[in-house]
Protein backbone atom coordinates (compact mmCIF):
# COMPACT_ATOMS: atom_id res chain seq x y z
CA UNK A 1 70.06 62.84 190.34
CA UNK A 2 71.97 66.00 189.70
CA UNK A 3 74.59 66.47 192.05
CA UNK A 4 76.23 64.42 194.19
CA UNK A 5 79.42 63.88 196.77
CA UNK A 6 82.61 61.99 196.11
CA UNK A 7 84.17 60.26 199.43
CA UNK A 8 87.89 61.70 199.11
CA UNK A 9 89.94 60.33 197.28
CA UNK A 10 87.41 57.70 195.26
CA UNK A 11 88.17 57.80 191.23
CA UNK A 12 86.02 54.65 190.62
CA UNK A 13 82.61 55.74 192.78
CA UNK A 14 82.90 59.70 191.03
CA UNK A 15 83.53 58.43 187.33
CA UNK A 16 80.56 55.81 188.28
CA UNK A 17 77.94 58.24 189.16
CA UNK A 18 78.70 61.25 186.20
CA UNK A 19 79.21 57.93 184.00
CA UNK A 20 75.08 57.34 185.83
CA UNK A 21 73.45 60.68 186.25
CA UNK A 22 74.90 62.82 188.30
CA UNK A 23 74.74 66.56 186.59
CA UNK A 24 77.55 67.61 188.61
CA UNK A 25 79.86 66.00 191.79
CA UNK A 26 82.12 67.80 194.83
CA UNK A 27 85.32 66.77 195.12
CA UNK A 28 88.30 67.56 198.50
CA UNK A 29 90.82 69.23 197.00
CA UNK A 30 94.38 68.87 198.00
CA UNK A 31 95.44 68.78 201.64
CA UNK A 32 96.39 71.72 203.22
CA UNK A 33 97.26 74.04 205.81
CA UNK A 34 95.82 73.73 209.42
CA UNK A 35 93.14 71.90 208.33
CA UNK A 36 91.34 70.13 205.48
CA UNK A 37 89.58 67.53 204.25
CA UNK A 38 92.28 64.43 204.80
CA UNK A 39 92.47 61.74 202.17
CA UNK A 40 91.30 64.31 199.13
CA UNK A 41 92.04 64.13 195.48
CA UNK A 42 95.52 64.88 194.06
CA UNK A 43 95.90 67.77 191.25
CA UNK A 44 96.54 65.08 189.32
CA UNK A 45 93.43 63.23 190.08
CA UNK A 46 91.10 66.42 189.91
CA UNK A 47 91.94 67.17 186.38
CA UNK A 48 91.61 63.40 185.47
CA UNK A 49 88.45 64.02 186.72
CA UNK A 50 87.81 67.44 184.79
CA UNK A 51 88.60 66.22 181.45
CA UNK A 52 86.93 63.12 182.05
CA UNK A 53 83.32 64.90 183.39
CA UNK A 54 83.96 67.75 180.20
CA UNK A 55 84.23 64.62 178.15
CA UNK A 56 80.52 63.95 179.47
CA UNK A 57 79.16 67.35 179.83
CA UNK A 58 79.57 67.37 183.46
CA UNK A 59 81.34 69.80 185.75
CA UNK A 60 83.67 69.45 189.20
CA UNK A 61 83.54 71.27 191.56
CA UNK A 62 86.53 71.52 194.45
CA UNK A 63 85.46 72.18 198.07
CA UNK A 64 88.67 73.63 199.83
CA UNK A 65 88.83 74.28 203.80
CA UNK A 66 91.31 76.16 204.65
CA UNK A 67 92.76 77.50 207.99
CA UNK A 68 95.86 79.79 207.41
CA UNK A 69 98.29 82.42 208.97
CA UNK A 70 99.22 85.87 207.49
CA UNK A 71 102.29 84.73 206.80
CA UNK A 72 101.42 81.59 204.19
CA UNK A 73 98.90 84.06 202.07
CA UNK A 74 100.34 82.99 199.34
CA UNK A 75 101.21 79.42 199.70
CA UNK A 76 96.79 80.18 199.56
CA UNK A 77 97.15 82.19 196.12
CA UNK A 78 99.69 79.70 194.75
CA UNK A 79 97.39 76.76 195.74
CA UNK A 80 94.75 77.88 194.25
CA UNK A 81 96.71 79.05 191.20
CA UNK A 82 97.49 75.12 191.03
CA UNK A 83 93.19 74.46 190.85
CA UNK A 84 92.56 77.38 188.24
CA UNK A 85 95.06 74.91 186.05
CA UNK A 86 92.83 71.50 186.40
CA UNK A 87 90.23 73.34 184.93
CA UNK A 88 87.85 72.99 187.90
CA UNK A 89 84.29 74.40 187.19
CA UNK A 90 84.41 76.40 190.18
CA UNK A 91 86.21 76.19 193.43
CA UNK A 92 83.93 76.71 197.13
CA UNK A 93 86.20 77.39 200.00
CA UNK A 94 84.09 76.46 202.88
CA UNK A 95 86.21 78.91 205.46
CA UNK A 96 86.24 82.86 205.33
CA UNK A 97 89.80 82.45 206.65
CA UNK A 98 91.18 83.35 202.15
CA UNK A 99 88.59 86.21 201.80
CA UNK A 100 89.99 88.06 205.45
CA UNK A 101 93.48 87.16 205.24
CA UNK A 102 92.91 89.33 201.58
CA UNK A 103 90.50 91.70 202.25
CA UNK A 104 93.23 92.85 204.73
CA UNK A 105 96.54 92.71 202.36
CA UNK A 106 93.81 94.90 199.78
CA UNK A 107 92.86 96.89 202.93
CA UNK A 108 97.07 97.35 204.19
CA UNK A 109 98.01 98.24 199.99
CA UNK A 110 95.08 100.76 199.22
CA UNK A 111 95.98 102.67 202.13
CA UNK A 112 99.49 102.87 200.79
CA UNK A 113 98.95 104.13 198.06
CA UNK A 114 95.54 107.32 199.06
CA UNK A 115 98.89 108.48 201.73
CA UNK A 116 102.35 107.03 200.70
CA UNK A 117 101.52 107.74 196.73
CA UNK A 118 98.33 110.17 196.61
CA UNK A 119 98.47 111.89 199.02
CA UNK A 120 102.53 113.55 198.34
CA UNK A 121 101.27 114.13 194.46
CA UNK A 122 98.29 116.40 195.54
CA UNK A 123 96.86 116.15 199.08
CA UNK A 124 93.69 118.19 198.63
CA UNK A 125 90.97 118.74 195.22
CA UNK A 126 92.23 121.70 193.27
CA UNK A 127 89.77 124.50 193.38
CA UNK A 128 89.20 124.20 189.96
CA UNK A 129 89.53 122.02 187.11
CA UNK A 130 91.99 122.08 183.90
CA UNK A 131 90.49 123.50 181.04
CA UNK A 132 91.73 120.85 179.15
CA UNK A 133 89.63 118.33 181.25
CA UNK A 134 86.15 117.31 180.60
CA UNK A 135 83.44 118.63 182.34
CA UNK A 136 80.62 116.57 183.16
CA UNK A 137 77.69 117.48 184.63
CA UNK A 138 74.82 115.02 185.64
CA UNK A 139 71.17 115.54 186.49
CA UNK A 140 68.24 113.19 187.21
CA UNK A 141 65.29 113.93 185.80
CA UNK A 142 61.32 111.85 185.26
CA UNK A 143 61.83 109.34 182.91
CA UNK A 144 58.35 109.96 181.71
CA UNK A 145 60.05 112.88 180.59
CA UNK A 146 62.81 111.50 178.62
CA UNK A 147 60.30 111.49 175.37
CA UNK A 148 60.75 114.69 175.66
CA UNK A 149 64.35 115.42 175.99
CA UNK A 150 65.63 112.86 172.94
CA UNK A 151 62.60 113.80 170.55
CA UNK A 152 61.94 112.22 167.85
CA UNK A 153 64.27 109.01 166.74
CA UNK A 154 67.18 112.00 168.75
CA UNK A 155 65.70 115.03 166.45
CA UNK A 156 65.63 117.13 169.49
CA UNK A 157 68.78 115.95 172.04
CA UNK A 158 71.05 116.05 168.44
CA UNK A 159 69.57 119.84 168.73
CA UNK A 160 70.40 120.40 172.26
CA UNK A 161 74.17 119.02 171.49
CA UNK A 162 74.54 121.46 168.11
CA UNK A 163 72.75 124.61 169.40
CA UNK A 164 74.89 123.78 172.89
CA UNK A 165 77.89 122.65 171.36
CA UNK A 166 78.67 120.39 174.05
CA UNK A 167 80.63 117.27 173.02
CA UNK A 168 78.27 114.14 173.68
CA UNK A 169 74.94 114.12 175.60
CA UNK A 170 74.07 110.64 177.79
CA UNK A 171 71.11 109.17 179.02
CA UNK A 172 69.88 106.19 180.90
CA UNK A 173 66.55 104.80 180.88
CA UNK A 174 66.27 105.32 184.88
CA UNK A 175 65.96 109.18 184.19
CA UNK A 176 70.02 109.90 183.69
CA UNK A 177 70.93 112.41 181.45
CA UNK A 178 75.50 113.46 181.09
CA UNK A 179 76.40 116.08 179.36
CA UNK A 180 79.96 116.47 178.39
CA UNK A 181 82.31 119.20 177.20
CA UNK A 182 85.25 121.22 177.85
CA UNK A 183 83.69 124.28 177.77
CA UNK A 184 81.54 125.06 180.88
CA UNK A 185 79.39 127.41 179.25
CA UNK A 186 78.49 124.83 176.69
CA UNK A 187 77.89 122.08 179.67
CA UNK A 188 75.50 124.69 181.43
CA UNK A 189 73.81 126.16 178.16
CA UNK A 190 73.05 122.06 177.12
CA UNK A 191 71.66 121.87 180.75
CA UNK A 192 69.14 124.74 180.29
CA UNK A 193 67.86 124.07 177.54
CA UNK A 194 67.18 120.63 178.46
CA UNK A 195 65.26 121.90 182.03
CA UNK A 196 63.14 124.35 179.41
CA UNK A 197 61.91 121.27 178.48
CA UNK A 198 60.92 118.93 181.20
CA UNK A 199 60.09 122.09 183.45
CA UNK A 200 56.45 122.35 182.16
CA UNK A 201 55.66 126.52 181.85
CA UNK A 202 53.92 128.61 184.39
CA UNK A 203 52.60 132.27 185.17
CA UNK A 204 55.44 134.41 186.60
CA UNK A 205 58.22 132.26 185.18
CA UNK A 206 60.93 133.74 183.12
CA UNK A 207 62.84 131.65 180.45
CA UNK A 208 64.93 133.23 177.73
CA UNK A 209 63.49 132.08 174.01
CA UNK A 210 64.11 132.51 170.89
CA UNK A 211 62.57 134.91 168.31
CA UNK A 212 61.53 132.46 165.80
CA UNK A 213 58.85 134.29 163.95
CA UNK A 214 57.45 138.37 163.13
CA UNK A 215 53.97 138.76 162.17
CA UNK A 216 51.71 142.23 162.60
CA UNK A 217 50.66 141.73 165.69
CA UNK A 218 53.60 140.45 167.50
CA UNK A 219 56.39 137.58 168.01
CA UNK A 220 56.70 133.71 168.29
CA UNK A 221 59.29 133.17 170.57
CA UNK A 222 60.83 129.87 171.15
CA UNK A 223 61.61 129.05 175.08
CA UNK A 224 62.43 125.78 174.52
CA UNK A 225 62.46 122.52 171.78
CA UNK A 226 59.34 122.39 170.35
CA UNK A 227 57.59 124.58 172.98
CA UNK A 228 56.90 127.97 171.43
CA UNK A 229 55.01 130.91 172.47
CA UNK A 230 53.41 134.41 171.76
CA UNK A 231 54.30 138.07 172.57
CA UNK A 232 51.74 140.36 171.92
CA UNK A 233 52.97 143.46 169.65
CA UNK A 234 52.08 145.71 173.25
CA UNK A 235 53.65 143.50 175.46
CA UNK A 236 56.84 144.56 174.09
CA UNK A 237 58.18 147.29 175.58
CA UNK A 238 56.91 149.86 177.59
CA UNK A 239 56.29 151.69 175.48
CA UNK A 240 54.53 152.72 171.55
CA UNK A 241 55.51 149.97 169.00
CA UNK A 242 55.96 150.98 165.79
CA UNK A 243 57.85 149.10 164.25
CA UNK A 244 58.15 145.55 165.46
CA UNK A 245 61.32 144.90 163.85
CA UNK A 246 63.01 148.21 165.71
CA UNK A 247 63.00 146.14 168.65
CA UNK A 248 63.94 142.37 168.27
CA UNK A 249 64.55 140.84 164.90
CA UNK A 250 64.60 137.01 163.88
CA UNK A 251 67.30 134.47 165.93
CA UNK A 252 67.36 136.69 169.36
CA UNK A 253 67.37 135.84 171.89
CA UNK A 254 65.12 137.64 173.91
CA UNK A 255 63.70 137.13 178.26
CA UNK A 256 60.27 136.25 178.25
CA UNK A 257 57.92 136.17 181.46
CA UNK A 258 55.21 133.82 180.69
CA UNK A 259 51.51 135.77 181.61
CA UNK A 260 48.91 133.20 180.99
CA UNK A 261 48.36 129.63 179.32
CA UNK A 262 45.21 129.02 177.36
CA UNK A 263 42.81 126.33 177.94
CA UNK A 264 43.85 124.95 173.84
CA UNK A 265 48.26 125.17 176.08
CA UNK A 266 48.80 127.97 174.00
CA UNK A 267 51.44 129.56 175.95
CA UNK A 268 50.71 133.77 175.70
CA UNK A 269 54.28 135.48 176.68
CA UNK A 270 55.86 139.58 177.86
CA UNK A 271 58.96 140.85 176.85
CA UNK A 272 57.77 144.28 178.60
CA UNK A 273 56.97 142.54 182.62
CA UNK A 274 61.11 140.63 181.99
CA UNK A 275 62.55 144.00 181.34
CA UNK A 276 63.51 145.49 184.51
CA UNK A 277 61.21 148.72 185.47
CA UNK A 278 62.32 151.85 184.64
CA UNK A 279 61.98 154.56 187.28
CA UNK A 280 59.02 156.75 186.43
CA UNK A 281 57.59 153.01 186.19
CA UNK A 282 58.13 152.30 189.24
CA UNK A 283 56.75 155.76 190.86
CA UNK A 284 53.29 155.31 188.41
CA UNK A 285 53.19 151.46 189.81
CA UNK A 286 53.80 152.93 193.95
């Protein structure tokens, strides 16, 4: 038999049950308060029972039935501490009165801390966070996109940390990402990089990208880690471009607009379409 409820005060039967098959024995604790298990085991008997059970690799559970008033709460706490000293495996309170009293006391203490301590120190949240306080931003993304943010062996996420200058980026399997830095602008830069990774480019979107290569027919711009597009020379400026490096150089950050994405997934970009229209261009467009 796996468990046994021992009669109050019957130490011999308790030992018999433990010795001949019971894995655990439930016993009543000493009398306490207005209602308790009568003729129950004393603290010394509980200690003896626990030592006997543990030597056999068995367990002792003590059930307690308590009904008390608020003024007797300290007595209950002392009582439970005494039971803990007996090394019982679990204390089972069969009346919720003790829990109710403890929660009421905790609620009173919480209100005192909020009203009498914290409110007198700071009555409302500060409008601005201190420059010396760390800023934490949280973003939730599609968990399937997390591998894109992390990259092979963490290559992409380490690059985001390095280029944005944030102190730390933590990720969770459910799609949550936490960005930590003392500089709010760095946090925003990391957020922008992450958003650029998880968003699939669509025609009409504008990105801030980095010029990575210059060729005779245009420039390649990285709009997100491992996500690159071509700006054809004709799309660099409103004016005719003789020398591309007069307009942009490798490493420059420029605004580009997605023009289209071909069947092979190649992204065609335009710097010109991301620029403000000039006055005469507005007239011609009309």
